[in-house]
Amino acid sequence: MSEKPTYEELEQRVNELEKEKDRLLSELQQALREVKQLGGLLPICAKCKKIRDDIRILE
């Protein structure tokens, strides 16, 4: 039979998971900023979200 974790072990694990969550959230927010920045550089159709080329034909 395995031992149940102590309160301190559970608290430490929760803290580790919260730090990991914060790190991942930060990475996701940075990635979203980069996508928005790149989206501003490409001519994207507002309706179908396809990228237009120089002669305005959707690909």
N, C-alpha and C. Protein backbone atom coordinates (compact mmCIF):
# COMPACT_ATOMS: atom_id res chain seq x y z
N MET A 1 0.84 -1.18 0.00
CA MET A 1 0.00 0.00 0.00
C MET A 1 0.89 1.24 0.00
N SER A 2 0.54 2.25 -0.78
CA SER A 2 1.35 3.45 -0.85
C SER A 2 0.93 4.46 0.22
N GLU A 3 1.90 5.24 0.62
CA GLU A 3 1.62 6.26 1.64
C GLU A 3 0.87 7.44 1.03
N LYS A 4 0.02 8.03 1.83
CA LYS A 4 -0.66 9.24 1.39
C LYS A 4 0.30 10.41 1.58
N PRO A 5 0.29 11.37 0.64
CA PRO A 5 1.18 12.52 0.80
C PRO A 5 0.77 13.38 1.99
N THR A 6 1.76 14.01 2.58
CA THR A 6 1.49 14.90 3.70
C THR A 6 0.92 16.22 3.19
N TYR A 7 0.38 16.99 4.11
CA TYR A 7 -0.15 18.31 3.76
C TYR A 7 0.95 19.16 3.15
N GLU A 8 2.14 19.11 3.71
CA GLU A 8 3.26 19.92 3.21
C GLU A 8 3.65 19.50 1.80
N GLU A 9 3.61 18.18 1.54
CA GLU A 9 3.94 17.69 0.19
C GLU A 9 2.88 18.14 -0.81
N LEU A 10 1.64 18.07 -0.39
CA LEU A 10 0.56 18.53 -1.28
C LEU A 10 0.67 20.03 -1.55
N GLU A 11 0.97 20.79 -0.50
CA GLU A 11 1.12 22.24 -0.65
C GLU A 11 2.28 22.57 -1.59
N GLN A 12 3.38 21.83 -1.45
CA GLN A 12 4.54 22.05 -2.32
C GLN A 12 4.18 21.72 -3.77
N ARG A 13 3.44 20.63 -3.98
CA ARG A 13 3.04 20.24 -5.34
C ARG A 13 2.12 21.29 -5.95
N VAL A 14 1.18 21.80 -5.16
CA VAL A 14 0.28 22.84 -5.65
C VAL A 14 1.08 24.08 -6.06
N ASN A 15 2.06 24.45 -5.25
CA ASN A 15 2.90 25.61 -5.58
C ASN A 15 3.68 25.38 -6.86
N GLU A 16 4.21 24.17 -7.04
CA GLU A 16 4.94 23.84 -8.26
C GLU A 16 4.02 23.94 -9.48
N LEU A 17 2.82 23.41 -9.33
CA LEU A 17 1.87 23.45 -10.45
C LEU A 17 1.42 24.87 -10.76
N GLU A 18 1.26 25.70 -9.76
CA GLU A 18 0.89 27.10 -9.99
C GLU A 18 2.02 27.84 -10.71
N LYS A 19 3.26 27.56 -10.33
CA LYS A 19 4.39 28.19 -11.03
C LYS A 19 4.44 27.75 -12.48
N GLU A 20 4.21 26.46 -12.72
CA GLU A 20 4.21 25.93 -14.09
C GLU A 20 3.07 26.56 -14.88
N LYS A 21 1.90 26.69 -14.28
CA LYS A 21 0.74 27.32 -14.94
C LYS A 21 1.08 28.76 -15.32
N ASP A 22 1.69 29.50 -14.39
CA ASP A 22 2.05 30.89 -14.66
C ASP A 22 3.07 30.99 -15.79
N ARG A 23 4.04 30.06 -15.81
CA ARG A 23 5.05 30.05 -16.87
C ARG A 23 4.40 29.78 -18.23
N LEU A 24 3.52 28.78 -18.27
CA LEU A 24 2.85 28.43 -19.52
C LEU A 24 1.93 29.56 -19.99
N LEU A 25 1.24 30.20 -19.06
CA LEU A 25 0.38 31.32 -19.41
C LEU A 25 1.19 32.46 -20.00
N SER A 26 2.34 32.72 -19.42
CA SER A 26 3.21 33.76 -19.93
C SER A 26 3.69 33.44 -21.35
N GLU A 27 4.07 32.19 -21.57
CA GLU A 27 4.49 31.77 -22.92
C GLU A 27 3.34 31.92 -23.91
N LEU A 28 2.15 31.54 -23.50
CA LEU A 28 1.00 31.64 -24.38
C LEU A 28 0.68 33.09 -24.72
N GLN A 29 0.76 33.97 -23.73
CA GLN A 29 0.50 35.39 -23.97
C GLN A 29 1.54 35.97 -24.92
N GLN A 30 2.81 35.57 -24.77
CA GLN A 30 3.86 36.05 -25.68
C GLN A 30 3.59 35.55 -27.09
N ALA A 31 3.21 34.28 -27.23
CA ALA A 31 2.91 33.72 -28.55
C ALA A 31 1.74 34.46 -29.19
N LEU A 32 0.73 34.79 -28.41
CA LEU A 32 -0.42 35.52 -28.93
C LEU A 32 -0.02 36.92 -29.40
N ARG A 33 0.86 37.58 -28.64
CA ARG A 33 1.35 38.90 -29.08
C ARG A 33 2.09 38.80 -30.41
N GLU A 34 2.88 37.75 -30.57
CA GLU A 34 3.63 37.56 -31.82
C GLU A 34 2.69 37.27 -32.98
N VAL A 35 1.67 36.47 -32.75
CA VAL A 35 0.70 36.15 -33.81
C VAL A 35 -0.04 37.42 -34.22
N LYS A 36 -0.45 38.22 -33.25
CA LYS A 36 -1.15 39.47 -33.58
C LYS A 36 -0.25 40.40 -34.36
N GLN A 37 1.03 40.45 -33.98
CA GLN A 37 1.98 41.31 -34.68
C GLN A 37 2.16 40.83 -36.12
N LEU A 38 2.30 39.53 -36.32
CA LEU A 38 2.45 38.98 -37.66
C LEU A 38 1.17 39.16 -38.47
N GLY A 39 0.03 39.02 -37.80
CA GLY A 39 -1.24 39.20 -38.49
C GLY A 39 -1.38 40.59 -39.06
N GLY A 40 -0.79 41.57 -38.41
CA GLY A 40 -0.84 42.93 -38.91
C GLY A 40 -0.01 43.14 -40.16
N LEU A 41 0.91 42.24 -40.42
CA LEU A 41 1.78 42.35 -41.59
C LEU A 41 1.20 41.69 -42.82
N LEU A 42 0.27 40.76 -42.63
CA LEU A 42 -0.29 40.02 -43.76
C LEU A 42 -1.68 40.54 -44.10
N PRO A 43 -1.99 40.65 -45.39
CA PRO A 43 -3.35 41.06 -45.78
C PRO A 43 -4.30 39.86 -45.66
N ILE A 44 -5.07 39.81 -44.58
CA ILE A 44 -5.95 38.68 -44.32
C ILE A 44 -7.40 39.12 -44.51
N CYS A 45 -8.16 38.31 -45.21
CA CYS A 45 -9.58 38.57 -45.43
C CYS A 45 -10.31 38.48 -44.09
N ALA A 46 -11.09 39.51 -43.77
CA ALA A 46 -11.81 39.54 -42.50
C ALA A 46 -12.93 38.49 -42.46
N LYS A 47 -13.45 38.13 -43.63
CA LYS A 47 -14.56 37.18 -43.68
C LYS A 47 -14.08 35.72 -43.64
N CYS A 48 -13.18 35.36 -44.53
CA CYS A 48 -12.78 33.95 -44.64
C CYS A 48 -11.43 33.65 -43.99
N LYS A 49 -10.70 34.68 -43.57
CA LYS A 49 -9.41 34.56 -42.88
C LYS A 49 -8.30 33.99 -43.77
N LYS A 50 -8.48 34.04 -45.08
CA LYS A 50 -7.43 33.60 -45.99
C LYS A 50 -6.49 34.76 -46.28
N ILE A 51 -5.26 34.42 -46.64
CA ILE A 51 -4.25 35.44 -46.95
C ILE A 51 -4.37 35.82 -48.42
N ARG A 52 -4.39 37.14 -48.68
CA ARG A 52 -4.47 37.64 -50.05
C ARG A 52 -3.05 37.81 -50.59
N ASP A 53 -2.90 37.59 -51.91
CA ASP A 53 -1.60 37.86 -52.52
C ASP A 53 -1.64 39.28 -53.12
N ASP A 54 -0.62 39.63 -53.87
CA ASP A 54 -0.52 41.00 -54.40
C ASP A 54 -1.65 41.38 -55.35
N ILE A 55 -2.25 40.41 -56.01
CA ILE A 55 -3.31 40.75 -56.94
C ILE A 55 -4.69 40.46 -56.33
N ARG A 56 -4.75 40.43 -55.00
CA ARG A 56 -5.98 40.33 -54.22
C ARG A 56 -6.77 39.05 -54.48
N ILE A 57 -6.10 38.00 -54.88
CA ILE A 57 -6.76 36.71 -55.02
C ILE A 57 -6.50 35.92 -53.75
N LEU A 58 -7.55 35.39 -53.19
CA LEU A 58 -7.39 34.66 -51.95
C LEU A 58 -6.80 33.29 -52.23
N GLU A 59 -5.88 32.89 -51.37
CA GLU A 59 -5.25 31.57 -51.53
C GLU A 59 -5.83 30.61 -50.53
